Amino acid sequence: MANHVPSSTGEPQSPAQGNSGEVAFTGAAASHAYGHLVGFPPPGQPIFRGFNRVGLGTLYMKEVRRFFKVQTQTIWAPAVTTLLYLMIFTLALGGGGRVVLGVPFASFVAPGLIAMGMINNAFANASFGLLGGKIQGTIIDYLMPPVSEGELLLALVGAAVTRAILVGLAVAAAMAFWPGVTLEARHPWAIVWFGLMGAILLSLIGVATSLWAEKFDHNAAVTNFIITPMSMLSGTFYVIDRLAPAFQTVSRMNPIFYVISGFRFGFLGQSDIGSDNMSVLHGAIGLGVLNLVLGLIVYALLRSGWKLKA
């Protein structure tokens, strides 16, 4: 009985036989047979081999250039807003030579404002990428390139962290000339670690928000009702020892509290979570574990195509 191979229309089709007796496939049958011969994946099934550094770098630069083209809005405007916070709270609460944690109030609040500016802008950058693509109809630009879900997540988070660092540097440079503010890096490891962990934390939350959101109102709701309250109630402008015990417990459940306090410890050598390296180290490890778990969750959401693919 002659062998039959299904054609592209589903009808059986007989292979051609040459003079030597070998079976020759033509058309779609040839493509199907050759694909299985060399190990090609079935059509529509993405296979990623190795690490696509070029794709990752290209997507990262795309995200960086996107916010850098409007740097007045994405970098310098947040820096000015943070300086306004410093001016208002210093005038309102820092009068009479007020001292907090052994330093003038302006020096106490400055590191917290730098960290708050960094994390807020990390969230703003990460929460726009995929959401903007869904609304503008350009989400295919994220899904079609030959990059894996892990590389996509690294690019989005890396660009958001880059923006956070630029905002932090701009704010710190301006505060260095602010009257009454002294910024001294007493524990550089804490400045670097808590600054990066805070930016990564809010970047991951931002990516998860952009996956869930279907319009800008959803993004604004997360910003106004979750991110802003967590930032304002994180001990940026006060020490939690002055709060009632119940509110102290609530503050210690807020991960941004550890970002602000750890970052402040790097400059002042004092914080709400301790005045020595070992005390602050527990908070540093906790933030690292939280980011790892959250990163795995967001990666799983990306792999599933939740709210991205039909």
C-alpha atoms as a PDB file:
ATOM      1  CA  MET A   1       0.000   0.000   0.000  1.00  0.00           C
ATOM      2  CA  ALA A   2       1.343   3.405  -0.933  1.00  0.00           C
ATOM      3  CA  ASN A   3       2.248   5.808   1.852  1.00  0.00           C
ATOM      4  CA  HIS A   4       0.120   8.911   2.053  1.00  0.00           C
ATOM      5  CA  VAL A   5       1.082  12.225   3.626  1.00  0.00           C
ATOM      6  CA  PRO A   6      -1.523  14.837   4.524  1.00  0.00           C
ATOM      7  CA  SER A   7      -1.359  17.955   2.386  1.00  0.00           C
ATOM      8  CA  SER A   8      -1.733  21.537   3.573  1.00  0.00           C
ATOM      9  CA  THR A   9      -5.485  21.273   2.926  1.00  0.00           C
ATOM     10  CA  GLY A  10      -5.827  18.118   4.991  1.00  0.00           C
ATOM     11  CA  GLU A  11      -6.244  15.801   1.981  1.00  0.00           C
ATOM     12  CA  PRO A  12      -3.909  12.790   1.714  1.00  0.00           C
ATOM     13  CA  GLN A  13      -1.138  13.182  -0.753  1.00  0.00           C
ATOM     14  CA  SER A  14       1.229  10.539  -2.083  1.00  0.00           C
ATOM     15  CA  PRO A  15       4.954  11.167  -1.889  1.00  0.00           C
ATOM     16  CA  ALA A  16       6.936  11.206  -5.114  1.00  0.00           C
ATOM     17  CA  GLN A  17       9.316   8.292  -5.684  1.00  0.00           C
ATOM     18  CA  GLY A  18      12.582   8.837  -7.547  1.00  0.00           C
ATOM     19  CA  ASN A  19      14.455   6.505  -9.860  1.00  0.00           C
ATOM     20  CA  SER A  20      16.598   5.208  -7.019  1.00  0.00           C
ATOM     21  CA  GLY A  21      13.585   4.144  -5.014  1.00  0.00           C
ATOM     22  CA  GLU A  22      13.905   6.921  -2.431  1.00  0.00           C
ATOM     23  CA  VAL A  23      10.752   8.687  -1.339  1.00  0.00           C
ATOM     24  CA  ALA A  24      10.759  12.420  -2.025  1.00  0.00           C
ATOM     25  CA  PHE A  25       8.374  14.802  -0.303  1.00  0.00           C
ATOM     26  CA  THR A  26       7.216  18.010  -1.900  1.00  0.00           C
ATOM     27  CA  GLY A  27       5.361  21.109  -0.726  1.00  0.00           C
ATOM     28  CA  ALA A  28       3.973  21.177   2.787  1.00  0.00           C
ATOM     29  CA  ALA A  29       4.820  17.517   3.288  1.00  0.00           C
ATOM     30  CA  ALA A  30       8.479  18.243   2.612  1.00  0.00           C
ATOM     31  CA  SER A  31       8.481  21.134   5.073  1.00  0.00           C
ATOM     32  CA  HIS A  32       6.783  18.989   7.737  1.00  0.00           C
ATOM     33  CA  ALA A  33       9.145  16.061   7.271  1.00  0.00           C
ATOM     34  CA  TYR A  34      12.282  18.225   7.138  1.00  0.00           C
ATOM     35  CA  GLY A  35      11.227  20.089  10.259  1.00  0.00           C
ATOM     36  CA  HIS A  36      10.967  16.883  12.254  1.00  0.00           C
ATOM     37  CA  LEU A  37      14.250  15.660  10.738  1.00  0.00           C
ATOM     38  CA  VAL A  38      16.314  18.636  11.964  1.00  0.00           C
ATOM     39  CA  GLY A  39      14.405  19.084  15.229  1.00  0.00           C
ATOM     40  CA  PHE A  40      12.493  22.280  14.503  1.00  0.00           C
ATOM     41  CA  PRO A  41       9.707  23.031  17.018  1.00  0.00           C
ATOM     42  CA  PRO A  42       6.066  22.905  15.899  1.00  0.00           C
ATOM     43  CA  PRO A  43       4.794  26.172  14.390  1.00  0.00           C
ATOM     44  CA  GLY A  44       3.873  28.756  17.018  1.00  0.00           C
ATOM     45  CA  GLN A  45       5.876  27.156  19.830  1.00  0.00           C
ATOM     46  CA  PRO A  46       8.677  29.512  21.004  1.00  0.00           C
ATOM     47  CA  ILE A  47      11.964  27.863  21.892  1.00  0.00           C
ATOM     48  CA  PHE A  48      14.645  29.958  23.637  1.00  0.00           C
ATOM     49  CA  ARG A  49      18.146  28.581  23.707  1.00  0.00           C
ATOM     50  CA  GLY A  50      20.729  30.446  25.778  1.00  0.00           C
ATOM     51  CA  PHE A  51      20.602  34.044  26.934  1.00  0.00           C
ATOM     52  CA  ASN A  52      19.655  36.700  24.382  1.00  0.00           C
ATOM     53  CA  ARG A  53      21.917  39.529  25.488  1.00  0.00           C
ATOM     54  CA  VAL A  54      21.281  41.556  22.338  1.00  0.00           C
ATOM     55  CA  GLY A  55      17.515  41.345  22.736  1.00  0.00           C
ATOM     56  CA  LEU A  56      17.695  42.174  26.437  1.00  0.00           C
ATOM     57  CA  GLY A  57      19.982  45.147  25.828  1.00  0.00           C
ATOM     58  CA  THR A  58      17.824  46.447  22.991  1.00  0.00           C
ATOM     59  CA  LEU A  59      14.618  46.293  25.005  1.00  0.00           C
ATOM     60  CA  TYR A  60      16.347  47.877  28.006  1.00  0.00           C
ATOM     61  CA  MET A  61      17.629  50.769  25.889  1.00  0.00           C
ATOM     62  CA  LYS A  62      14.174  51.217  24.363  1.00  0.00           C
ATOM     63  CA  GLU A  63      12.669  51.640  27.828  1.00  0.00           C
ATOM     64  CA  VAL A  64      15.453  53.975  28.978  1.00  0.00           C
ATOM     65  CA  ARG A  65      15.175  56.155  25.887  1.00  0.00           C
ATOM     66  CA  ARG A  66      11.404  56.292  26.321  1.00  0.00           C
ATOM     67  CA  PHE A  67      11.632  58.060  29.687  1.00  0.00           C
ATOM     68  CA  PHE A  68      14.826  59.939  28.852  1.00  0.00           C
ATOM     69  CA  LYS A  69      13.217  61.670  25.862  1.00  0.00           C
ATOM     70  CA  VAL A  70      10.923  63.416  28.349  1.00  0.00           C
ATOM     71  CA  GLN A  71      13.481  63.770  31.138  1.00  0.00           C
ATOM     72  CA  THR A  72      12.015  67.107  32.234  1.00  0.00           C
ATOM     73  CA  GLN A  73       8.909  65.222  33.306  1.00  0.00           C
ATOM     74  CA  THR A  74      10.471  61.925  34.400  1.00  0.00           C
ATOM     75  CA  ILE A  75      13.653  63.033  36.203  1.00  0.00           C
ATOM     76  CA  TRP A  76      13.808  66.745  36.926  1.00  0.00           C
ATOM     77  CA  ALA A  77      10.155  67.310  37.841  1.00  0.00           C
ATOM     78  CA  PRO A  78      10.229  64.577  40.547  1.00  0.00           C
ATOM     79  CA  ALA A  79      13.439  66.107  41.891  1.00  0.00           C
ATOM     80  CA  VAL A  80      11.782  69.516  42.192  1.00  0.00           C
ATOM     81  CA  THR A  81       8.713  67.969  43.859  1.00  0.00           C
ATOM     82  CA  THR A  82      10.931  66.219  46.413  1.00  0.00           C
ATOM     83  CA  LEU A  83      12.712  69.467  47.197  1.00  0.00           C
ATOM     84  CA  LEU A  84       9.335  71.119  47.781  1.00  0.00           C
ATOM     85  CA  TYR A  85       8.521  68.375  50.292  1.00  0.00           C
ATOM     86  CA  LEU A  86      11.824  69.106  52.038  1.00  0.00           C
ATOM     87  CA  MET A  87      11.164  72.824  52.159  1.00  0.00           C
ATOM     88  CA  ILE A  88       7.576  72.516  53.427  1.00  0.00           C
ATOM     89  CA  PHE A  89       8.236  69.917  56.118  1.00  0.00           C
ATOM     90  CA  THR A  90      11.424  71.627  57.263  1.00  0.00           C
ATOM     91  CA  LEU A  91       9.605  74.919  57.679  1.00  0.00           C
ATOM     92  CA  ALA A  92       6.577  73.295  59.327  1.00  0.00           C
ATOM     93  CA  LEU A  93       8.281  70.784  61.627  1.00  0.00           C
ATOM     94  CA  GLY A  94      11.945  71.675  61.774  1.00  0.00           C
ATOM     95  CA  GLY A  95      11.734  75.018  63.540  1.00  0.00           C
ATOM     96  CA  GLY A  96      13.368  75.733  66.869  1.00  0.00           C
ATOM     97  CA  GLY A  97      16.403  73.590  66.164  1.00  0.00           C
ATOM     98  CA  ARG A  98      14.423  70.339  66.303  1.00  0.00           C
ATOM     99  CA  VAL A  99      16.630  67.251  66.526  1.00  0.00           C
ATOM    100  CA  VAL A 100      15.561  63.722  65.482  1.00  0.00           C
ATOM    101  CA  LEU A 101      17.808  60.661  65.939  1.00  0.00           C
ATOM    102  CA  GLY A 102      20.605  62.979  67.018  1.00  0.00           C
ATOM    103  CA  VAL A 103      20.632  65.133  63.851  1.00  0.00           C
ATOM    104  CA  PRO A 104      18.750  68.266  62.726  1.00  0.00           C
ATOM    105  CA  PHE A 105      15.315  67.565  61.303  1.00  0.00           C
ATOM    106  CA  ALA A 106      16.353  68.560  57.761  1.00  0.00           C
ATOM    107  CA  SER A 107      19.204  66.040  57.785  1.00  0.00           C
ATOM    108  CA  PHE A 108      16.837  63.407  59.213  1.00  0.00           C
ATOM    109  CA  VAL A 109      14.157  63.797  56.561  1.00  0.00           C
ATOM    110  CA  ALA A 110      16.470  64.224  53.541  1.00  0.00           C
ATOM    111  CA  PRO A 111      17.503  60.549  53.078  1.00  0.00           C
ATOM    112  CA  GLY A 112      13.900  59.415  53.384  1.00  0.00           C
ATOM    113  CA  LEU A 113      12.816  61.876  50.708  1.00  0.00           C
ATOM    114  CA  ILE A 114      15.563  60.657  48.379  1.00  0.00           C
ATOM    115  CA  ALA A 115      14.443  57.046  48.833  1.00  0.00           C
ATOM    116  CA  MET A 116      10.771  57.977  48.424  1.00  0.00           C
ATOM    117  CA  GLY A 117      11.498  59.800  45.178  1.00  0.00           C
ATOM    118  CA  MET A 118      13.416  56.796  43.869  1.00  0.00           C
ATOM    119  CA  ILE A 119      10.769  54.177  44.627  1.00  0.00           C
ATOM    120  CA  ASN A 120       7.839  56.276  43.398  1.00  0.00           C
ATOM    121  CA  ASN A 121       9.512  56.848  40.050  1.00  0.00           C
ATOM    122  CA  ALA A 122      10.529  53.204  39.755  1.00  0.00           C
ATOM    123  CA  PHE A 123       6.861  52.263  40.097  1.00  0.00           C
ATOM    124  CA  ALA A 124       5.741  54.966  37.656  1.00  0.00           C
ATOM    125  CA  ASN A 125       8.156  53.763  34.975  1.00  0.00           C
ATOM    126  CA  ALA A 126       7.476  50.031  35.335  1.00  0.00           C
ATOM    127  CA  SER A 127       3.701  50.421  35.545  1.00  0.00           C
ATOM    128  CA  PHE A 128       3.505  52.255  32.205  1.00  0.00           C
ATOM    129  CA  GLY A 129       5.428  49.967  29.818  1.00  0.00           C
ATOM    130  CA  LEU A 130       3.065  47.038  29.205  1.00  0.00           C
ATOM    131  CA  LEU A 131      -0.040  49.095  29.996  1.00  0.00           C
ATOM    132  CA  GLY A 132       0.896  51.704  27.399  1.00  0.00           C
ATOM    133  CA  GLY A 133       1.444  48.921  24.879  1.00  0.00           C
ATOM    134  CA  LYS A 134      -1.978  47.423  25.590  1.00  0.00           C
ATOM    135  CA  ILE A 135      -3.771  50.764  25.275  1.00  0.00           C
ATOM    136  CA  GLN A 136      -1.852  52.008  22.223  1.00  0.00           C
ATOM    137  CA  GLY A 137      -1.984  48.647  20.448  1.00  0.00           C
ATOM    138  CA  THR A 138       1.795  48.200  20.453  1.00  0.00           C
ATOM    139  CA  ILE A 139       1.922  45.326  22.945  1.00  0.00           C
ATOM    140  CA  ILE A 140       3.042  43.109  20.055  1.00  0.00           C
ATOM    141  CA  ASP A 141       6.383  44.922  20.204  1.00  0.00           C
ATOM    142  CA  TYR A 142       6.958  43.268  23.600  1.00  0.00           C
ATOM    143  CA  LEU A 143       5.560  39.841  22.759  1.00  0.00           C
ATOM    144  CA  MET A 144       6.955  39.104  19.293  1.00  0.00           C
ATOM    145  CA  PRO A 145      10.727  39.751  19.666  1.00  0.00           C
ATOM    146  CA  PRO A 146      12.824  36.640  20.406  1.00  0.00           C
ATOM    147  CA  VAL A 147      13.264  37.359  24.117  1.00  0.00           C
ATOM    148  CA  SER A 148      12.110  35.121  26.939  1.00  0.00           C
ATOM    149  CA  GLU A 149       9.779  36.198  29.737  1.00  0.00           C
ATOM    150  CA  GLY A 150      12.754  36.455  32.102  1.00  0.00           C
ATOM    151  CA  GLU A 151      14.622  38.755  29.731  1.00  0.00           C
ATOM    152  CA  LEU A 152      11.490  40.874  29.268  1.00  0.00           C
ATOM    153  CA  LEU A 153      11.112  41.209  33.038  1.00  0.00           C
ATOM    154  CA  LEU A 154      14.813  42.063  33.485  1.00  0.00           C
ATOM    155  CA  ALA A 155      14.597  44.803  30.844  1.00  0.00           C
ATOM    156  CA  LEU A 156      11.479  46.397  32.338  1.00  0.00           C
ATOM    157  CA  VAL A 157      12.795  46.272  35.905  1.00  0.00           C
ATOM    158  CA  GLY A 158      16.290  47.388  34.838  1.00  0.00           C
ATOM    159  CA  ALA A 159      14.951  50.469  33.072  1.00  0.00           C
ATOM    160  CA  ALA A 160      12.771  51.392  36.062  1.00  0.00           C
ATOM    161  CA  VAL A 161      15.719  51.008  38.449  1.00  0.00           C
ATOM    162  CA  THR A 162      17.828  53.175  36.126  1.00  0.00           C
ATOM    163  CA  ARG A 163      15.244  55.942  36.305  1.00  0.00           C
ATOM    164  CA  ALA A 164      15.088  55.599  40.095  1.00  0.00           C
ATOM    165  CA  ILE A 165      18.869  55.958  40.385  1.00  0.00           C
ATOM    166  CA  LEU A 166      18.901  59.047  38.155  1.00  0.00           C
ATOM    167  CA  VAL A 167      16.148  60.677  40.210  1.00  0.00           C
ATOM    168  CA  GLY A 168      17.975  59.801  43.437  1.00  0.00           C
ATOM    169  CA  LEU A 169      21.222  61.305  42.177  1.00  0.00           C
ATOM    170  CA  ALA A 170      19.450  64.480  41.034  1.00  0.00           C
ATOM    171  CA  VAL A 171      17.698  64.914  44.398  1.00  0.00           C
ATOM    172  CA  ALA A 172      20.851  64.160  46.401  1.00  0.00           C
ATOM    173  CA  ALA A 173      22.872  66.661  44.347  1.00  0.00           C
ATOM    174  CA  ALA A 174      20.305  69.390  44.994  1.00  0.00           C
ATOM    175  CA  MET A 175      20.037  68.570  48.706  1.00  0.00           C
ATOM    176  CA  ALA A 176      23.802  68.782  49.102  1.00  0.00           C
ATOM    177  CA  PHE A 177      23.437  72.548  48.659  1.00  0.00           C
ATOM    178  CA  TRP A 178      20.315  72.860  50.812  1.00  0.00           C
ATOM    179  CA  PRO A 179      20.804  74.849  54.044  1.00  0.00           C
ATOM    180  CA  GLY A 180      20.805  72.661  57.118  1.00  0.00           C
ATOM    181  CA  VAL A 181      21.125  69.344  55.256  1.00  0.00           C
ATOM    182  CA  THR A 182      24.190  67.174  55.775  1.00  0.00           C
ATOM    183  CA  LEU A 183      24.505  63.987  53.713  1.00  0.00           C
ATOM    184  CA  GLU A 184      27.353  61.767  54.866  1.00  0.00           C
ATOM    185  CA  ALA A 185      27.662  58.161  53.663  1.00  0.00           C
ATOM    186  CA  ARG A 186      28.426  56.404  56.953  1.00  0.00           C
ATOM    187  CA  HIS A 187      27.365  52.955  55.723  1.00  0.00           C
ATOM    188  CA  PRO A 188      27.628  52.849  51.907  1.00  0.00           C
ATOM    189  CA  TRP A 189      26.463  49.223  51.748  1.00  0.00           C
ATOM    190  CA  ALA A 190      23.107  50.203  53.259  1.00  0.00           C
ATOM    191  CA  ILE A 191      22.650  53.094  50.823  1.00  0.00           C
ATOM    192  CA  VAL A 192      23.317  50.858  47.821  1.00  0.00           C
ATOM    193  CA  TRP A 193      21.396  47.805  49.056  1.00  0.00           C
ATOM    194  CA  PHE A 194      18.250  49.494  50.331  1.00  0.00           C
ATOM    195  CA  GLY A 195      18.186  51.907  47.398  1.00  0.00           C
ATOM    196  CA  LEU A 196      18.345  49.033  44.898  1.00  0.00           C
ATOM    197  CA  MET A 197      15.977  46.764  46.833  1.00  0.00           C
ATOM    198  CA  GLY A 198      13.415  49.538  47.162  1.00  0.00           C
ATOM    199  CA  ALA A 199      13.609  50.374  43.462  1.00  0.00           C
ATOM    200  CA  ILE A 200      13.358  46.702  42.472  1.00  0.00           C
ATOM    201  CA  LEU A 201      10.431  46.134  44.839  1.00  0.00           C
ATOM    202  CA  LEU A 202       8.373  48.971  43.382  1.00  0.00           C
ATOM    203  CA  SER A 203       9.453  48.036  39.835  1.00  0.00           C
ATOM    204  CA  LEU A 204       8.082  44.515  40.286  1.00  0.00           C
ATOM    205  CA  ILE A 205       4.852  45.891  41.726  1.00  0.00           C
ATOM    206  CA  GLY A 206       4.714  48.247  38.753  1.00  0.00           C
ATOM    207  CA  VAL A 207       5.095  45.424  36.221  1.00  0.00           C
ATOM    208  CA  ALA A 208       2.365  43.440  38.003  1.00  0.00           C
ATOM    209  CA  THR A 209       0.141  46.531  37.911  1.00  0.00           C
ATOM    210  CA  SER A 210       0.712  47.005  34.176  1.00  0.00           C
ATOM    211  CA  LEU A 211      -0.249  43.359  33.616  1.00  0.00           C
ATOM    212  CA  TRP A 212      -3.478  43.724  35.591  1.00  0.00           C
ATOM    213  CA  ALA A 213      -4.529  47.214  34.470  1.00  0.00           C
ATOM    214  CA  GLU A 214      -6.607  47.681  31.345  1.00  0.00           C
ATOM    215  CA  LYS A 215      -6.727  51.484  31.392  1.00  0.00           C
ATOM    216  CA  PHE A 216      -4.851  54.359  32.979  1.00  0.00           C
ATOM    217  CA  ASP A 217      -7.542  54.728  35.653  1.00  0.00           C
ATOM    218  CA  HIS A 218      -6.563  51.311  37.035  1.00  0.00           C
ATOM    219  CA  ASN A 219      -2.932  52.387  37.223  1.00  0.00           C
ATOM    220  CA  ALA A 220      -3.897  55.650  38.929  1.00  0.00           C
ATOM    221  CA  ALA A 221      -6.005  53.739  41.460  1.00  0.00           C
ATOM    222  CA  VAL A 222      -3.048  51.597  42.516  1.00  0.00           C
ATOM    223  CA  THR A 223      -0.855  54.696  42.743  1.00  0.00           C
ATOM    224  CA  ASN A 224      -3.313  56.758  44.785  1.00  0.00           C
ATOM    225  CA  PHE A 225      -4.741  54.101  47.089  1.00  0.00           C
ATOM    226  CA  ILE A 226      -1.783  51.756  47.618  1.00  0.00           C
ATOM    227  CA  ILE A 227       1.625  53.192  46.669  1.00  0.00           C
ATOM    228  CA  THR A 228       1.157  56.759  47.949  1.00  0.00           C
ATOM    229  CA  PRO A 229      -0.251  55.744  51.379  1.00  0.00           C
ATOM    230  CA  MET A 230       2.504  53.149  51.814  1.00  0.00           C
ATOM    231  CA  SER A 231       5.111  55.804  50.987  1.00  0.00           C
ATOM    232  CA  MET A 232       3.670  58.519  53.204  1.00  0.00           C
ATOM    233  CA  LEU A 233       3.158  56.159  56.163  1.00  0.00           C
ATOM    234  CA  SER A 234       6.618  54.619  55.983  1.00  0.00           C
ATOM    235  CA  GLY A 235       8.378  56.831  58.507  1.00  0.00           C
ATOM    236  CA  THR A 236       9.737  59.270  55.945  1.00  0.00           C
ATOM    237  CA  PHE A 237       8.804  62.313  58.032  1.00  0.00           C
ATOM    238  CA  TYR A 238       8.790  60.838  61.545  1.00  0.00           C
ATOM    239  CA  VAL A 239      10.095  58.048  63.767  1.00  0.00           C
ATOM    240  CA  ILE A 240       7.570  55.323  64.512  1.00  0.00           C
ATOM    241  CA  ASP A 241       8.504  55.209  68.227  1.00  0.00           C
ATOM    242  CA  ARG A 242       6.168  58.143  68.728  1.00  0.00           C
ATOM    243  CA  LEU A 243       3.182  56.233  67.318  1.00  0.00           C
ATOM    244  CA  ALA A 244       0.726  54.124  69.289  1.00  0.00           C
ATOM    245  CA  PRO A 245       1.721  50.438  69.538  1.00  0.00           C
ATOM    246  CA  ALA A 246      -0.974  49.375  67.063  1.00  0.00           C
ATOM    247  CA  PHE A 247       0.265  51.852  64.452  1.00  0.00           C
ATOM    248  CA  GLN A 248       3.861  50.792  65.079  1.00  0.00           C
ATOM    249  CA  THR A 249       2.856  47.234  64.219  1.00  0.00           C
ATOM    250  CA  VAL A 250       1.155  48.412  61.043  1.00  0.00           C
ATOM    251  CA  SER A 251       4.257  50.401  60.090  1.00  0.00           C
ATOM    252  CA  ARG A 252       6.500  47.368  60.567  1.00  0.00           C
ATOM    253  CA  MET A 253       4.275  45.408  58.173  1.00  0.00           C
ATOM    254  CA  ASN A 254       4.942  47.989  55.460  1.00  0.00           C
ATOM    255  CA  PRO A 255       7.956  46.938  53.325  1.00  0.00           C
ATOM    256  CA  ILE A 256       8.613  50.548  52.322  1.00  0.00           C
ATOM    257  CA  PHE A 257       9.253  51.309  56.004  1.00  0.00           C
ATOM    258  CA  TYR A 258      12.352  49.087  55.852  1.00  0.00           C
ATOM    259  CA  VAL A 259      13.477  50.711  52.593  1.00  0.00           C
ATOM    260  CA  ILE A 260      13.257  54.202  54.098  1.00  0.00           C
ATOM    261  CA  SER A 261      14.782  53.258  57.456  1.00  0.00           C
ATOM    262  CA  GLY A 262      17.617  51.202  55.948  1.00  0.00           C
ATOM    263  CA  PHE A 263      18.440  53.926  53.432  1.00  0.00           C
ATOM    264  CA  ARG A 264      18.443  56.508  56.236  1.00  0.00           C
ATOM    265  CA  PHE A 265      20.741  54.280  58.292  1.00  0.00           C
ATOM    266  CA  GLY A 266      23.290  54.450  55.470  1.00  0.00           C
ATOM    267  CA  PHE A 267      23.530  58.237  55.903  1.00  0.00           C
ATOM    268  CA  LEU A 268      22.904  58.796  59.609  1.00  0.00           C
ATOM    269  CA  GLY A 269      24.038  55.578  61.244  1.00  0.00           C
ATOM    270  CA  GLN A 270      20.667  55.606  63.065  1.00  0.00           C
ATOM    271  CA  SER A 271      17.240  54.337  62.064  1.00  0.00           C
ATOM    272  CA  ASP A 272      13.951  52.982  63.360  1.00  0.00           C
ATOM    273  CA  ILE A 273      15.136  49.410  62.842  1.00  0.00           C
ATOM    274  CA  GLY A 274      18.404  49.750  64.748  1.00  0.00           C
ATOM    275  CA  SER A 275      21.679  51.577  65.125  1.00  0.00           C
ATOM    276  CA  ASP A 276      24.125  48.792  64.196  1.00  0.00           C
ATOM    277  CA  ASN A 277      24.806  46.712  61.105  1.00  0.00           C
ATOM    278  CA  MET A 278      23.365  43.476  62.498  1.00  0.00           C
ATOM    279  CA  SER A 279      20.008  45.044  63.369  1.00  0.00           C
ATOM    280  CA  VAL A 280      19.636  46.558  59.918  1.00  0.00           C
ATOM    281  CA  LEU A 281      20.909  43.389  58.245  1.00  0.00           C
ATOM    282  CA  HIS A 282      17.730  41.512  59.153  1.00  0.00           C
ATOM    283  CA  GLY A 283      15.670  44.097  57.300  1.00  0.00           C
ATOM    284  CA  ALA A 284      18.049  43.897  54.350  1.00  0.00           C
ATOM    285  CA  ILE A 285      17.677  40.113  54.131  1.00  0.00           C
ATOM    286  CA  GLY A 286      13.907  40.370  54.455  1.00  0.00           C
ATOM    287  CA  LEU A 287      13.699  42.804  51.545  1.00  0.00           C
ATOM    288  CA  GLY A 288      15.884  40.555  49.424  1.00  0.00           C
ATOM    289  CA  VAL A 289      13.665  37.530  50.097  1.00  0.00           C
ATOM    290  CA  LEU A 290      10.508  39.566  49.409  1.00  0.00           C
ATOM    291  CA  ASN A 291      11.893  40.741  46.061  1.00  0.00           C
ATOM    292  CA  LEU A 292      12.855  37.189  45.122  1.00  0.00           C
ATOM    293  CA  VAL A 293       9.368  35.842  45.870  1.00  0.00           C
ATOM    294  CA  LEU A 294       7.635  38.747  44.140  1.00  0.00           C
ATOM    295  CA  GLY A 295       9.942  38.397  41.138  1.00  0.00           C
ATOM    296  CA  LEU A 296       9.023  34.710  40.764  1.00  0.00           C
ATOM    297  CA  ILE A 297       5.317  35.566  40.959  1.00  0.00           C
ATOM    298  CA  VAL A 298       5.563  38.268  38.275  1.00  0.00           C
ATOM    299  CA  TYR A 299       7.669  35.943  36.106  1.00  0.00           C
ATOM    300  CA  ALA A 300       4.995  33.251  36.382  1.00  0.00           C
ATOM    301  CA  LEU A 301       2.329  35.781  35.374  1.00  0.00           C
ATOM    302  CA  LEU A 302       4.355  36.784  32.322  1.00  0.00           C
ATOM    303  CA  ARG A 303       4.837  33.154  31.302  1.00  0.00           C
ATOM    304  CA  SER A 304       1.130  32.488  31.612  1.00  0.00           C
ATOM    305  CA  GLY A 305       0.304  35.431  29.333  1.00  0.00           C
ATOM    306  CA  TRP A 306      -2.215  36.704  31.878  1.00  0.00           C
ATOM    307  CA  LYS A 307      -4.101  39.656  30.354  1.00  0.00           C
ATOM    308  CA  LEU A 308      -1.515  39.836  27.561  1.00  0.00           C
ATOM    309  CA  LYS A 309      -2.468  37.000  25.222  1.00  0.00           C
ATOM    310  CA  ALA A 310      -5.863  35.895  24.030  1.00  0.00           C
END
